[in-house]
Amino acid sequence: QVQLVESGGGLVQAGGSLRLSCEASGRTFSTYAMAWFRQAPGKEREFVAVINWSSSRTYYADSVKGRFTISRDNAKNTVSLQMNSLEPEDTAVYFCAADRATAVITTTPEKYDYWGQGTQVTVSS
């Protein structure tokens, strides 16, 4: 069992930056692919970024490519999302997720086994 706890959300002006963190419990964190998803009011949960267990592979949604960076520290059981050049369209609840499968990385939320409770990010114009 893995528990995920996100932090770092808040209110920021357009063009600003935020750094989200997700701390995981459990000794198998280093074997999981980790991802960030987000959900805006009235919209479905959407993929943001994913990183494989060794940090050798990352993948981003087109909407955040070049602005967001996902990283992880297996020694500290954490995964982070650095968000720069934020836009009002980035306003959402951001969720951290863990996928036990190690062969591939996926953008499909149904493939993820564990989820955090989410952290609110609000970008004002």
Protein backbone atom coordinates (compact mmCIF):
# COMPACT_ATOMS: atom_id res chain seq x y z
CA GLN A 1 0.00 0.00 0.00
CA VAL A 2 1.25 3.46 -0.89
CA GLN A 3 -0.08 6.73 0.50
CA LEU A 4 0.48 9.95 -1.41
CA VAL A 5 0.30 13.45 0.05
CA GLU A 6 0.53 16.52 -2.17
CA SER A 7 1.60 19.99 -1.10
CA GLY A 8 2.63 23.29 -2.63
CA GLY A 9 -0.59 24.48 -4.19
CA GLY A 10 -1.84 28.03 -3.84
CA LEU A 11 -2.84 31.25 -5.54
CA VAL A 12 -0.48 32.81 -8.06
CA GLN A 13 -0.73 35.46 -10.74
CA ALA A 14 -0.51 34.59 -14.40
CA GLY A 15 3.12 34.25 -15.45
CA GLY A 16 4.17 33.13 -12.00
CA SER A 17 5.53 29.82 -10.76
CA LEU A 18 4.64 27.14 -8.24
CA ARG A 19 6.31 23.92 -7.22
CA LEU A 20 4.13 20.99 -6.22
CA SER A 21 5.48 18.12 -4.16
CA CYS A 22 4.13 14.65 -3.50
CA GLU A 23 5.48 12.58 -0.65
CA ALA A 24 4.92 8.85 -0.76
CA SER A 25 4.94 6.28 2.00
CA GLY A 26 6.09 2.73 1.41
CA ARG A 27 9.38 1.14 0.46
CA THR A 28 8.36 0.34 -3.12
CA PHE A 29 8.05 3.97 -4.25
CA SER A 30 11.26 3.74 -6.28
CA THR A 31 9.74 1.05 -8.51
CA TYR A 32 6.60 2.98 -9.46
CA ALA A 33 5.96 5.34 -12.32
CA MET A 34 4.65 8.63 -10.92
CA ALA A 35 2.38 11.14 -12.57
CA TRP A 36 0.51 14.36 -12.06
CA PHE A 37 -3.06 14.83 -13.19
CA ARG A 38 -5.37 17.79 -12.77
CA GLN A 39 -9.09 18.42 -12.68
CA ALA A 40 -10.77 21.75 -13.24
CA PRO A 41 -14.35 22.42 -12.11
CA GLY A 42 -16.84 20.75 -14.43
CA LYS A 43 -14.12 18.97 -16.39
CA GLU A 44 -12.71 15.46 -16.44
CA ARG A 45 -9.40 14.61 -14.83
CA GLU A 46 -6.60 15.15 -17.33
CA PHE A 47 -3.02 13.99 -17.60
CA VAL A 48 -0.27 16.52 -16.96
CA ALA A 49 3.10 14.72 -16.70
CA VAL A 50 4.63 11.34 -15.90
CA ILE A 51 8.08 10.08 -14.94
CA ASN A 52 9.30 6.49 -14.88
CA TRP A 53 10.94 4.82 -11.90
CA SER A 54 14.50 5.71 -12.88
CA SER A 55 13.80 9.24 -14.15
CA SER A 56 15.08 8.18 -17.57
CA ARG A 57 11.74 8.85 -19.23
CA THR A 58 9.28 11.72 -18.91
CA TYR A 59 6.24 12.70 -20.89
CA TYR A 60 4.09 15.82 -20.81
CA ALA A 61 0.71 16.94 -22.00
CA ASP A 62 1.03 19.34 -24.93
CA SER A 63 -0.66 22.05 -22.90
CA VAL A 64 2.18 22.13 -20.34
CA LYS A 65 5.20 21.11 -22.42
CA GLY A 66 8.01 23.59 -22.03
CA ARG A 67 6.44 25.16 -18.93
CA PHE A 68 6.22 22.28 -16.44
CA THR A 69 8.96 19.90 -15.31
CA ILE A 70 8.43 16.64 -13.41
CA SER A 71 11.19 15.16 -11.29
CA ARG A 72 11.61 12.64 -8.51
CA ASP A 73 13.94 11.81 -5.66
CA ASN A 74 13.71 8.12 -4.82
CA ALA A 75 15.89 8.54 -1.74
CA LYS A 76 13.30 10.95 -0.31
CA ASN A 77 10.21 9.23 -1.75
CA THR A 78 9.11 12.43 -3.43
CA VAL A 79 7.98 13.54 -6.86
CA SER A 80 7.75 17.20 -7.81
CA LEU A 81 6.15 19.33 -10.48
CA GLN A 82 7.79 22.66 -11.22
CA MET A 83 5.24 24.89 -12.93
CA ASN A 84 6.44 28.04 -14.67
CA SER A 85 4.68 30.62 -16.83
CA LEU A 86 1.38 29.68 -15.27
CA GLU A 87 -1.82 30.57 -17.09
CA PRO A 88 -5.39 30.92 -15.79
CA GLU A 89 -6.18 27.74 -17.75
CA ASP A 90 -3.86 25.85 -15.39
CA THR A 91 -6.27 26.44 -12.50
CA ALA A 92 -7.32 23.04 -11.16
CA VAL A 93 -6.89 20.55 -8.37
CA TYR A 94 -3.64 18.72 -9.00
CA PHE A 95 -3.30 15.06 -8.07
CA CYS A 96 -0.26 12.87 -7.65
CA ALA A 97 -0.63 9.24 -8.78
CA ALA A 98 1.44 6.06 -8.68
CA ASP A 99 1.46 3.19 -11.17
CA ARG A 100 2.88 -0.18 -10.11
CA ALA A 101 3.53 -1.26 -13.70
CA THR A 102 7.12 -0.60 -14.67
CA ALA A 103 7.31 -1.65 -18.31
CA VAL A 104 5.56 1.37 -19.76
CA ILE A 105 4.46 4.81 -18.68
CA THR A 106 0.86 5.74 -19.30
CA THR A 107 -1.31 8.84 -19.46
CA THR A 108 -4.53 6.94 -18.64
CA PRO A 109 -5.78 7.70 -15.12
CA GLU A 110 -7.49 4.31 -14.82
CA LYS A 111 -4.09 2.63 -15.00
CA TYR A 112 -2.88 4.28 -11.80
CA ASP A 113 -3.13 2.37 -8.56
CA TYR A 114 -2.73 5.05 -5.90
CA TRP A 115 -3.84 8.67 -5.68
CA GLY A 116 -3.27 11.59 -3.40
CA GLN A 117 -6.02 13.83 -2.10
CA GLY A 118 -5.11 16.72 -4.38
CA THR A 119 -3.87 20.27 -3.96
CA GLN A 120 -5.56 23.37 -5.36
CA VAL A 121 -3.73 25.59 -7.83
CA THR A 122 -5.39 28.87 -8.75
CA VAL A 123 -3.91 31.20 -11.35
CA SER A 124 -5.38 34.70 -11.50
CA SER A 125 -5.33 36.80 -14.64
